[in-house]
Amino acid sequence: MKLCNTLTMKKVISIFLSVLILSTLIACKNENAIVPDEKIKLSLGIMFTTDFIGRIVNDFNELNLNYEIEIKDYFAENGNASITMYNLDLISGNAPDIMLISQDTFMPLRSYFDKGVFIDLYELIDADADINREDFVESIIKAHETNGKLYSISDSVVIQTLTGKTSLVGADMGQTWDEFFAFLDEHPEALPFSPKTSIFSKENFVVQMVLNSLSTFIDEDKNECYFEADEFLKLLEYAWRFPEERRDDNVDVSGFYTEDKLLLLNHFSGFNYLNITGIDVLFKEEITYKGFPVNDGSNGALFLPNARFAITSQTQNIEGAWEFVKFILTDFQNSGWIEKSDFGSDFSVRKDKINRAVVAALGDKDRIFESHGDDYKHEIYIEGIPGFVEAVFPTEEDVQKIIDLVDSTTKIWRQDYYIIWMTIYEELPAYFNGQKTAEDVARIIQSKASIYLAELN
């Protein structure tokens, strides 16, 4: 007992001395640091706000000695005129230093990129000794590029793809349009394209397919569009199977998943057992991440960026703006707030964070059963399936399949050609009402879309 007390006392003294030395070092460091009388203010423009964005800004403002971020919320100030007001700020030279890009608000991103609205972040990465291109997942970074330049970058992404049974769709990722339509003809009740259970209306189905397979219909490099192509005409023909209005009611579709009636449209957000359980319960056998149809039959899956940032060319303080973006890509990625959600996180843009997520996913089962015992039955809820189901934990094969999906995905989901989408919505009713032929409607859409693309440049 006395020996224990002696050791305890020595340990207390040792810890006290360590803390004292550490405090002295920190105090010296802070004395040597040049702290400005007032921080330099930088503006962050946003079209929407979330707790996540607020947390990033608060953490940066607390930790950075030189700069402070102030948020300019365009939507809160201008509502539906948000993009118009942002464009006016660009013209007048009053644009925010940093911009949180929002595709959901239909920002014309390609036009901004081509006109030099934002700085090429590769130049800042290459000039920074603390960070380099090799730190990032190549496929995700490449997908953010425009003509080899990196005008924006995301902290993380979700993957949107079509998933099906390997026995039905084959083992290889990717499908051509002919293969896609052949599958739907053979399986007319294949979700999410089933007229009985789909959330799509006729018009909505066509527009969503164009959005998800954008490269088929718009060539941004050539500034051309192809709405008179056979693929678009076939979409119009297939759309007749859908209802006039979107269905918002909940339908028990569990039977469709096991009866070969499913081509699942899903958002895949990590390696964790929630995703793996959902796939296993719904399909009951080997699956393939097929992707959306593209002309060359390659993987047509899409990255959906979460927080996507760009630095405005007009900024008078590139160094400070880069410190904020760099903070998001480094210090904030490693913060406790992010780390504690590893098992359910999206795909980080950083390789080291992806690797940690893989390790966490493969260790989920051991961690859970270690705290509950071997007889524990871990049940979870899966949307679309009644009740609760027993969790299925990922194997190395499951994880590798997801890694292959990430590595082979090449494009970002885009919604910035707002005028074109609205043109499609406006012209399609004449076709479905029998007033115009598919060819007539396609010709009108082609003409209007071509004019819009020309005006952008």
Protein backbone atom coordinates (compact mmCIF):
# COMPACT_ATOMS: atom_id res chain seq x y z
CA MET A 1 0.00 0.00 0.00
CA LYS A 2 2.85 2.42 0.91
CA LEU A 3 4.65 1.52 -2.31
CA CYS A 4 1.54 2.37 -4.29
CA ASN A 5 1.20 5.68 -2.50
CA THR A 6 4.86 6.52 -3.15
CA LEU A 7 4.54 5.68 -6.82
CA THR A 8 1.35 7.69 -7.04
CA MET A 9 3.04 10.71 -5.45
CA LYS A 10 5.99 10.46 -7.85
CA LYS A 11 3.58 10.23 -10.77
CA VAL A 12 1.70 13.32 -9.58
CA ILE A 13 4.95 15.29 -9.24
CA SER A 14 6.09 14.12 -12.69
CA ILE A 15 2.82 15.16 -14.30
CA PHE A 16 2.92 18.53 -12.50
CA LEU A 17 6.43 19.26 -13.75
CA SER A 18 5.46 18.22 -17.30
CA VAL A 19 2.48 20.54 -17.30
CA LEU A 20 4.58 23.37 -15.88
CA ILE A 21 7.23 22.96 -18.59
CA LEU A 22 4.60 22.73 -21.33
CA SER A 23 2.83 25.84 -20.05
CA THR A 24 6.12 27.75 -20.03
CA LEU A 25 6.86 26.72 -23.62
CA ILE A 26 3.40 27.76 -24.78
CA ALA A 27 3.68 31.08 -22.96
CA CYS A 28 7.05 31.75 -24.61
CA LYS A 29 5.65 30.85 -27.98
CA ASN A 30 2.68 33.17 -27.51
CA GLU A 31 4.99 35.99 -26.35
CA ASN A 32 7.03 35.61 -29.53
CA ALA A 33 3.92 35.45 -31.75
CA ILE A 34 2.96 38.69 -33.39
CA VAL A 35 -0.69 39.23 -32.58
CA PRO A 36 -2.28 42.09 -34.54
CA ASP A 37 -4.28 44.72 -32.69
CA GLU A 38 -7.27 43.78 -34.83
CA LYS A 39 -7.86 40.78 -37.06
CA ILE A 40 -8.20 41.27 -40.81
CA LYS A 41 -11.81 40.69 -41.84
CA LEU A 42 -12.56 38.35 -44.73
CA SER A 43 -16.00 37.71 -46.21
CA LEU A 44 -17.50 34.29 -46.96
CA GLY A 45 -20.44 34.36 -49.35
CA ILE A 46 -23.07 31.65 -48.97
CA MET A 47 -26.35 30.80 -50.67
CA PHE A 48 -27.52 28.61 -47.79
CA THR A 49 -26.49 28.06 -44.19
CA THR A 50 -25.99 24.92 -42.11
CA ASP A 51 -24.65 24.08 -38.65
CA PHE A 52 -21.62 22.58 -40.39
CA ILE A 53 -20.70 25.87 -42.06
CA GLY A 54 -21.26 27.75 -38.82
CA ARG A 55 -18.97 25.35 -36.97
CA ILE A 56 -16.19 25.76 -39.55
CA VAL A 57 -16.34 29.56 -39.34
CA ASN A 58 -16.50 29.62 -35.53
CA ASP A 59 -13.55 27.24 -35.16
CA PHE A 60 -11.43 29.20 -37.63
CA ASN A 61 -12.21 32.52 -35.97
CA GLU A 62 -11.29 31.14 -32.55
CA LEU A 63 -8.01 29.55 -33.66
CA ASN A 64 -6.61 31.93 -36.25
CA LEU A 65 -4.66 34.89 -34.87
CA ASN A 66 -4.67 37.02 -38.01
CA TYR A 67 -7.98 36.64 -39.83
CA GLU A 68 -11.68 36.58 -39.03
CA ILE A 69 -14.41 35.31 -41.34
CA GLU A 70 -17.66 37.22 -41.67
CA ILE A 71 -20.57 35.51 -43.44
CA LYS A 72 -22.54 37.23 -46.17
CA ASP A 73 -25.77 35.23 -46.56
CA TYR A 74 -27.14 36.07 -50.00
CA PHE A 75 -30.30 34.02 -49.60
CA ALA A 76 -31.20 35.51 -46.22
CA GLU A 77 -30.74 39.00 -47.66
CA ASN A 78 -32.13 38.51 -51.19
CA GLY A 79 -34.20 35.31 -51.35
CA ASN A 80 -34.69 34.10 -54.92
CA ALA A 81 -32.62 37.02 -56.21
CA SER A 82 -29.48 35.63 -54.54
CA ILE A 83 -27.54 34.82 -57.71
CA THR A 84 -28.53 38.11 -59.33
CA MET A 85 -27.18 40.04 -56.34
CA TYR A 86 -23.99 37.97 -56.33
CA ASN A 87 -23.49 38.74 -60.02
CA LEU A 88 -23.98 42.44 -59.31
CA ASP A 89 -21.34 42.24 -56.57
CA LEU A 90 -18.98 40.59 -59.06
CA ILE A 91 -19.56 43.39 -61.59
CA SER A 92 -19.09 46.13 -59.00
CA GLY A 93 -15.97 44.55 -57.51
CA ASN A 94 -17.65 43.83 -54.15
CA ALA A 95 -17.71 40.02 -54.32
CA PRO A 96 -16.86 38.10 -51.13
CA ASP A 97 -13.27 36.91 -50.68
CA ILE A 98 -14.42 33.30 -50.47
CA MET A 99 -17.53 31.66 -51.89
CA LEU A 100 -19.36 28.57 -50.69
CA ILE A 101 -20.57 27.16 -53.98
CA SER A 102 -24.14 25.91 -54.00
CA GLN A 103 -25.32 23.90 -56.98
CA ASP A 104 -28.77 23.54 -55.48
CA THR A 105 -29.28 27.26 -56.11
CA PHE A 106 -28.33 26.86 -59.79
CA MET A 107 -25.17 28.96 -59.79
CA PRO A 108 -23.75 29.04 -63.36
CA LEU A 109 -20.46 27.51 -62.25
CA ARG A 110 -18.95 26.68 -65.63
CA SER A 111 -19.52 30.26 -66.75
CA TYR A 112 -17.82 31.54 -63.58
CA PHE A 113 -14.88 29.17 -64.09
CA ASP A 114 -14.40 30.07 -67.75
CA LYS A 115 -14.53 33.81 -66.99
CA GLY A 116 -11.89 33.66 -64.25
CA VAL A 117 -14.19 34.55 -61.36
CA PHE A 118 -12.23 32.22 -59.05
CA ILE A 119 -8.53 31.53 -58.41
CA ASP A 120 -6.86 28.28 -59.46
CA LEU A 121 -6.32 26.56 -56.10
CA TYR A 122 -3.60 24.34 -57.54
CA GLU A 123 -1.32 27.41 -57.58
CA LEU A 124 -1.88 27.90 -53.84
CA ILE A 125 -1.49 24.21 -53.03
CA ASP A 126 1.76 23.98 -55.00
CA ALA A 127 3.16 27.07 -53.24
CA ASP A 128 2.29 25.79 -49.75
CA ALA A 129 4.94 23.78 -47.90
CA ASP A 130 2.37 22.15 -45.58
CA ILE A 131 0.10 20.61 -48.19
CA ASN A 132 0.43 19.07 -51.65
CA ARG A 133 -1.68 17.47 -54.36
CA GLU A 134 -0.73 13.96 -53.27
CA ASP A 135 -2.59 14.51 -49.97
CA PHE A 136 -5.92 14.27 -51.81
CA VAL A 137 -7.91 11.44 -53.35
CA GLU A 138 -7.02 11.72 -57.02
CA SER A 139 -10.42 10.86 -58.47
CA ILE A 140 -12.25 13.40 -56.28
CA ILE A 141 -9.79 16.21 -57.02
CA LYS A 142 -9.76 15.43 -60.75
CA ALA A 143 -13.56 15.57 -60.82
CA HIS A 144 -13.38 19.12 -59.44
CA GLU A 145 -11.07 20.27 -62.24
CA THR A 146 -12.05 22.46 -65.18
CA ASN A 147 -9.54 22.40 -68.06
CA GLY A 148 -6.85 21.22 -65.66
CA LYS A 149 -7.45 23.99 -63.12
CA LEU A 150 -8.91 23.64 -59.64
CA TYR A 151 -11.31 26.54 -59.16
CA SER A 152 -13.10 24.94 -56.20
CA ILE A 153 -12.59 22.16 -53.70
CA SER A 154 -14.86 20.22 -51.32
CA ASP A 155 -14.20 18.91 -47.85
CA SER A 156 -16.01 15.65 -48.71
CA VAL A 157 -18.40 14.04 -51.16
CA VAL A 158 -21.24 11.55 -51.42
CA ILE A 159 -21.50 9.19 -54.39
CA GLN A 160 -24.73 8.89 -56.37
CA THR A 161 -25.04 5.78 -58.49
CA LEU A 162 -27.37 3.06 -59.73
CA THR A 163 -26.96 -0.29 -58.00
CA GLY A 164 -28.25 -3.66 -59.12
CA LYS A 165 -27.86 -7.39 -58.57
CA THR A 166 -24.72 -8.71 -60.21
CA SER A 167 -26.74 -11.65 -61.55
CA LEU A 168 -28.92 -9.15 -63.46
CA VAL A 169 -26.60 -6.29 -64.43
CA GLY A 170 -23.23 -8.03 -64.62
CA ALA A 171 -20.10 -7.67 -62.53
CA ASP A 172 -18.58 -4.66 -64.30
CA MET A 173 -19.30 -1.05 -63.42
CA GLY A 174 -20.64 1.09 -66.24
CA GLN A 175 -23.36 0.78 -68.85
CA THR A 176 -24.20 2.24 -72.23
CA TRP A 177 -27.58 3.75 -73.02
CA ASP A 178 -28.52 0.68 -75.06
CA GLU A 179 -27.75 -1.57 -72.07
CA PHE A 180 -29.70 0.72 -69.74
CA PHE A 181 -32.85 0.75 -71.88
CA ALA A 182 -32.57 -3.01 -72.52
CA PHE A 183 -32.53 -3.61 -68.77
CA LEU A 184 -35.59 -1.41 -68.22
CA ASP A 185 -37.44 -3.20 -71.03
CA GLU A 186 -36.67 -6.58 -69.47
CA HIS A 187 -37.54 -5.33 -65.96
CA PRO A 188 -40.29 -2.71 -66.33
CA GLU A 189 -40.81 -2.61 -62.56
CA ALA A 190 -37.17 -1.93 -61.74
CA LEU A 191 -36.92 0.76 -59.09
CA PRO A 192 -36.50 3.70 -59.05
CA PHE A 193 -38.01 3.62 -62.51
CA SER A 194 -41.17 1.74 -61.66
CA PRO A 195 -44.39 3.60 -62.54
CA LYS A 196 -46.02 1.89 -59.54
CA THR A 197 -43.65 3.11 -56.86
CA SER A 198 -41.44 5.78 -58.39
CA ILE A 199 -41.24 9.32 -57.06
CA PHE A 200 -40.77 10.51 -60.66
CA SER A 201 -43.35 12.18 -62.84
CA LYS A 202 -42.95 12.06 -66.63
CA GLU A 203 -41.14 15.40 -66.83
CA ASN A 204 -39.14 14.82 -63.67
CA PHE A 205 -37.81 11.47 -64.92
CA VAL A 206 -36.49 13.03 -68.13
CA VAL A 207 -34.80 15.97 -66.38
CA GLN A 208 -33.26 13.79 -63.66
CA MET A 209 -31.80 11.41 -66.23
CA VAL A 210 -30.32 14.33 -68.15
CA LEU A 211 -28.83 15.72 -64.92
CA ASN A 212 -27.33 12.37 -63.97
CA SER A 213 -25.93 11.71 -67.46
CA LEU A 214 -25.01 15.28 -68.33
CA SER A 215 -22.02 14.45 -70.55
CA THR A 216 -24.34 12.67 -73.00
CA PHE A 217 -26.32 15.82 -73.69
CA ILE A 218 -23.90 18.72 -73.11
CA ASP A 219 -20.24 18.92 -74.19
CA GLU A 220 -18.91 21.81 -72.15
CA ASP A 221 -15.52 21.91 -73.85
CA LYS A 222 -17.10 22.24 -77.30
CA ASN A 223 -19.99 24.33 -75.97
CA GLU A 224 -22.48 22.06 -77.75
CA CYS A 225 -25.63 20.18 -76.78
CA TYR A 226 -27.33 17.10 -78.20
CA PHE A 227 -31.03 17.06 -77.36
CA GLU A 228 -32.00 15.67 -80.76
CA ALA A 229 -29.92 12.56 -80.12
CA ASP A 230 -31.51 9.10 -79.96
CA GLU A 231 -30.81 8.88 -76.21
CA PHE A 232 -33.01 11.89 -75.48
CA LEU A 233 -35.79 10.68 -77.78
CA LYS A 234 -35.73 7.29 -76.03
CA LEU A 235 -36.03 9.02 -72.65
CA LEU A 236 -39.15 10.79 -73.89
CA GLU A 237 -40.60 7.50 -75.10
CA TYR A 238 -39.85 5.67 -71.85
CA ALA A 239 -41.24 8.54 -69.75
CA TRP A 240 -44.79 7.62 -70.86
CA ARG A 241 -44.71 4.84 -68.24
CA PHE A 242 -44.68 7.37 -65.40
CA PRO A 243 -47.57 9.20 -63.71
CA GLU A 244 -48.48 12.82 -64.39
CA GLU A 245 -47.55 13.91 -60.87
CA ARG A 246 -44.72 12.89 -58.57
CA ARG A 247 -45.59 10.40 -55.85
CA ASP A 248 -44.67 11.48 -52.36
CA ASP A 249 -46.42 8.70 -50.45
CA ASN A 250 -44.42 5.99 -48.70
CA VAL A 251 -44.59 2.61 -50.42
CA ASP A 252 -43.35 -0.65 -48.90
CA VAL A 253 -40.91 -1.70 -51.60
CA SER A 254 -39.11 -4.46 -49.70
CA GLY A 255 -40.49 -7.14 -52.01
CA PHE A 256 -39.13 -5.41 -55.09
CA TYR A 257 -35.57 -5.71 -53.81
CA THR A 258 -35.58 -9.49 -53.62
CA GLU A 259 -37.79 -10.17 -56.65
CA ASP A 260 -35.43 -8.82 -59.32
CA LYS A 261 -37.40 -5.58 -59.63
CA LEU A 262 -34.77 -3.13 -58.50
CA LEU A 263 -32.21 -0.83 -60.04
CA LEU A 264 -31.54 1.26 -56.97
CA LEU A 265 -30.78 4.98 -57.13
CA ASN A 266 -28.74 5.51 -53.98
CA HIS A 267 -26.48 8.04 -52.30
CA PHE A 268 -23.48 6.16 -50.97
CA SER A 269 -21.81 7.96 -48.10
CA GLY A 270 -19.00 5.88 -46.70
CA PHE A 271 -17.69 2.47 -45.71
CA ASN A 272 -19.78 2.02 -42.57
CA TYR A 273 -22.03 -0.91 -41.73
CA LEU A 274 -25.21 1.14 -42.20
CA ASN A 275 -24.54 1.28 -45.94
CA ILE A 276 -23.46 -2.36 -46.10
CA THR A 277 -26.50 -3.54 -44.16
CA GLY A 278 -28.85 -1.62 -46.42
CA ILE A 279 -27.36 -3.19 -49.54
CA ASP A 280 -27.33 -6.71 -48.06
CA VAL A 281 -30.90 -6.59 -46.75
CA LEU A 282 -32.31 -5.12 -49.93
CA PHE A 283 -30.59 -7.37 -52.46
CA LYS A 284 -29.75 -10.58 -50.55
CA GLU A 285 -26.89 -11.34 -52.95
CA GLU A 286 -23.84 -9.91 -54.73
CA ILE A 287 -24.33 -6.38 -56.11
CA THR A 288 -22.69 -4.13 -58.69
CA TYR A 289 -22.41 -0.35 -58.51
CA LYS A 290 -23.50 0.08 -62.10
CA GLY A 291 -23.61 3.86 -62.48
CA PHE A 292 -25.73 6.01 -64.77
CA PRO A 293 -25.61 5.36 -68.51
CA VAL A 294 -22.92 7.14 -70.55
CA ASN A 295 -22.03 6.85 -74.22
CA ASP A 296 -18.77 4.97 -73.72
CA GLY A 297 -20.15 2.59 -71.08
CA SER A 298 -17.71 3.69 -68.36
CA ASN A 299 -18.65 4.18 -64.70
CA GLY A 300 -21.35 6.86 -64.68
CA ALA A 301 -21.47 7.37 -60.90
CA LEU A 302 -21.31 10.97 -59.68
CA PHE A 303 -19.69 12.80 -56.77
CA LEU A 304 -22.06 15.09 -54.85
CA PRO A 305 -19.87 17.68 -53.07
CA ASN A 306 -20.79 18.77 -49.58
CA ALA A 307 -19.11 22.04 -48.56
CA ARG A 308 -17.45 23.29 -51.78
CA PHE A 309 -15.31 26.43 -51.55
CA ALA A 310 -13.73 28.83 -54.04
CA ILE A 311 -11.56 31.94 -53.64
CA THR A 312 -12.70 34.97 -55.59
CA SER A 313 -10.17 36.53 -57.97
CA GLN A 314 -11.19 39.97 -56.67
CA THR A 315 -9.98 39.29 -53.14
CA GLN A 316 -7.38 41.70 -51.79
CA ASN A 317 -6.09 39.07 -49.37
CA ILE A 318 -5.34 35.77 -51.11
CA GLU A 319 -3.16 34.65 -48.20
CA GLY A 320 -5.96 34.99 -45.68
CA ALA A 321 -8.55 33.40 -47.94
CA TRP A 322 -6.23 30.45 -48.53
CA GLU A 323 -5.65 30.09 -44.78
CA PHE A 324 -9.40 29.55 -44.36
CA VAL A 325 -9.71 27.02 -47.21
CA LYS A 326 -6.56 25.25 -46.04
CA PHE A 327 -7.98 25.10 -42.52
CA ILE A 328 -11.03 23.24 -43.88
CA LEU A 329 -8.78 20.76 -45.70
CA THR A 330 -6.36 20.16 -42.81
CA ASP A 331 -7.00 21.22 -39.21
CA PHE A 332 -10.78 21.03 -39.37
CA GLN A 333 -10.64 17.61 -41.08
CA ASN A 334 -8.70 16.36 -38.05
CA SER A 335 -10.83 18.04 -35.39
CA GLY A 336 -12.60 16.02 -32.74
CA TRP A 337 -15.97 17.13 -34.09
CA ILE A 338 -15.20 15.39 -37.39
CA GLU A 339 -13.38 12.37 -35.95
CA LYS A 340 -16.18 11.32 -33.64
CA SER A 341 -18.46 10.78 -36.66
CA ASP A 342 -15.99 8.61 -38.63
CA PHE A 343 -18.26 5.57 -38.90
CA GLY A 344 -20.98 7.59 -40.60
CA SER A 345 -18.90 10.14 -42.45
CA ASP A 346 -18.96 10.89 -46.16
CA PHE A 347 -15.95 10.31 -48.39
CA SER A 348 -13.29 12.82 -47.38
CA VAL A 349 -11.24 14.55 -50.06
CA ARG A 350 -8.12 13.59 -48.07
CA LYS A 351 -6.40 10.21 -48.43
CA ASP A 352 -5.48 9.95 -44.75
CA LYS A 353 -9.08 10.55 -43.68
CA ILE A 354 -10.31 7.91 -46.15
CA ASN A 355 -7.79 5.43 -44.74
CA ARG A 356 -8.95 6.12 -41.19
CA ALA A 357 -12.56 5.60 -42.27
CA VAL A 358 -11.64 2.21 -43.75
CA VAL A 359 -9.93 1.12 -40.54
CA ALA A 360 -12.92 2.32 -38.51
CA ALA A 361 -15.39 0.46 -40.72
CA LEU A 362 -13.50 -2.83 -40.52
CA GLY A 363 -13.31 -2.47 -36.73
CA ASP A 364 -16.98 -1.59 -36.15
CA LYS A 365 -18.02 -5.15 -35.33
CA ASP A 366 -15.27 -5.73 -32.78
CA ARG A 367 -15.94 -2.40 -31.06
CA ILE A 368 -19.68 -2.97 -30.80
CA PHE A 369 -19.53 -6.57 -29.61
CA GLU A 370 -16.67 -5.86 -27.22
CA SER A 371 -18.93 -3.53 -25.27
CA HIS A 372 -22.10 -5.66 -25.51
CA GLY A 373 -20.91 -9.29 -25.62
CA ASP A 374 -20.90 -11.98 -28.33
CA ASP A 375 -24.61 -12.73 -27.90
CA TYR A 376 -25.57 -9.15 -28.67
CA LYS A 377 -27.89 -8.63 -31.65
CA HIS A 378 -27.26 -5.25 -33.20
CA GLU A 379 -30.41 -4.13 -35.02
CA ILE A 380 -30.84 -0.98 -37.12
CA TYR A 381 -33.54 0.71 -39.19
CA ILE A 382 -33.25 0.77 -43.00
CA GLU A 383 -35.47 3.15 -44.94
CA GLY A 384 -38.03 1.29 -47.07
CA ILE A 385 -37.92 -1.87 -44.93
CA PRO A 386 -40.51 -2.40 -42.17
CA GLY A 387 -39.19 -2.80 -38.63
CA PHE A 388 -35.55 -3.32 -37.68
CA VAL A 389 -32.95 -5.59 -39.26
CA GLU A 390 -29.77 -7.15 -37.91
CA ALA A 391 -26.64 -5.24 -38.86
CA VAL A 392 -24.27 -6.66 -41.47
CA PHE A 393 -20.67 -5.56 -41.00
CA PRO A 394 -18.35 -4.83 -43.94
CA THR A 395 -15.71 -7.29 -45.07
CA GLU A 396 -12.47 -6.37 -46.79
CA GLU A 397 -14.13 -7.32 -50.09
CA ASP A 398 -17.01 -4.90 -49.40
CA VAL A 399 -14.58 -2.10 -48.61
CA GLN A 400 -12.46 -2.77 -51.69
CA LYS A 401 -15.54 -2.63 -53.90
CA ILE A 402 -16.37 0.81 -52.50
CA ILE A 403 -12.77 1.98 -52.95
CA ASP A 404 -12.95 0.86 -56.59
CA LEU A 405 -16.18 2.86 -56.93
CA VAL A 406 -14.51 6.01 -55.55
CA ASP A 407 -11.40 5.57 -57.70
CA SER A 408 -13.36 5.07 -60.94
CA THR A 409 -15.85 7.92 -60.46
CA THR A 410 -14.84 10.87 -62.63
CA LYS A 411 -17.62 13.47 -62.61
CA ILE A 412 -19.45 15.80 -60.26
CA TRP A 413 -23.24 16.02 -60.17
CA ARG A 414 -24.18 19.31 -61.77
CA GLN A 415 -27.29 21.47 -61.60
CA ASP A 416 -25.96 24.75 -62.89
CA TYR A 417 -27.61 24.79 -66.33
CA TYR A 418 -30.81 26.01 -64.75
CA ILE A 419 -32.18 27.67 -67.91
CA ILE A 420 -31.82 24.42 -69.85
CA TRP A 421 -33.57 22.36 -67.17
CA MET A 422 -36.43 24.85 -67.04
CA THR A 423 -36.66 24.78 -70.85
CA ILE A 424 -37.08 21.01 -70.76
CA TYR A 425 -39.79 21.28 -68.10
CA GLU A 426 -41.59 23.95 -70.10
CA GLU A 427 -41.53 22.11 -73.43
CA LEU A 428 -42.31 18.53 -72.34
CA PRO A 429 -46.04 19.03 -71.51
CA ALA A 430 -46.76 19.73 -75.20
CA TYR A 431 -45.35 16.29 -76.00
CA PHE A 432 -47.21 14.45 -73.25
CA ASN A 433 -50.45 16.28 -74.12
CA GLY A 434 -50.13 15.10 -77.70
CA GLN A 435 -49.72 18.60 -79.12
CA LYS A 436 -46.21 18.01 -80.47
CA THR A 437 -44.11 15.03 -81.48
CA ALA A 438 -40.98 13.99 -79.61
CA GLU A 439 -38.88 15.22 -82.52
CA ASP A 440 -40.58 18.64 -82.48
CA VAL A 441 -40.03 19.08 -78.76
CA ALA A 442 -36.41 17.89 -78.99
CA ARG A 443 -35.77 20.38 -81.80
CA ILE A 444 -37.13 23.29 -79.73
CA ILE A 445 -35.11 22.29 -76.66
CA GLN A 446 -32.00 21.90 -78.82
CA SER A 447 -32.45 25.37 -80.28
CA LYS A 448 -33.04 27.14 -76.95
CA ALA A 449 -30.25 25.26 -75.19
CA SER A 450 -27.79 26.08 -77.98
CA ILE A 451 -28.65 29.79 -77.74
CA TYR A 452 -28.19 29.73 -73.96
CA LEU A 453 -24.80 28.03 -74.19
CA ALA A 454 -23.67 30.59 -76.77
CA GLU A 455 -24.77 33.45 -74.49
CA LEU A 456 -22.76 32.01 -71.57
CA ASN A 457 -19.60 32.43 -73.64
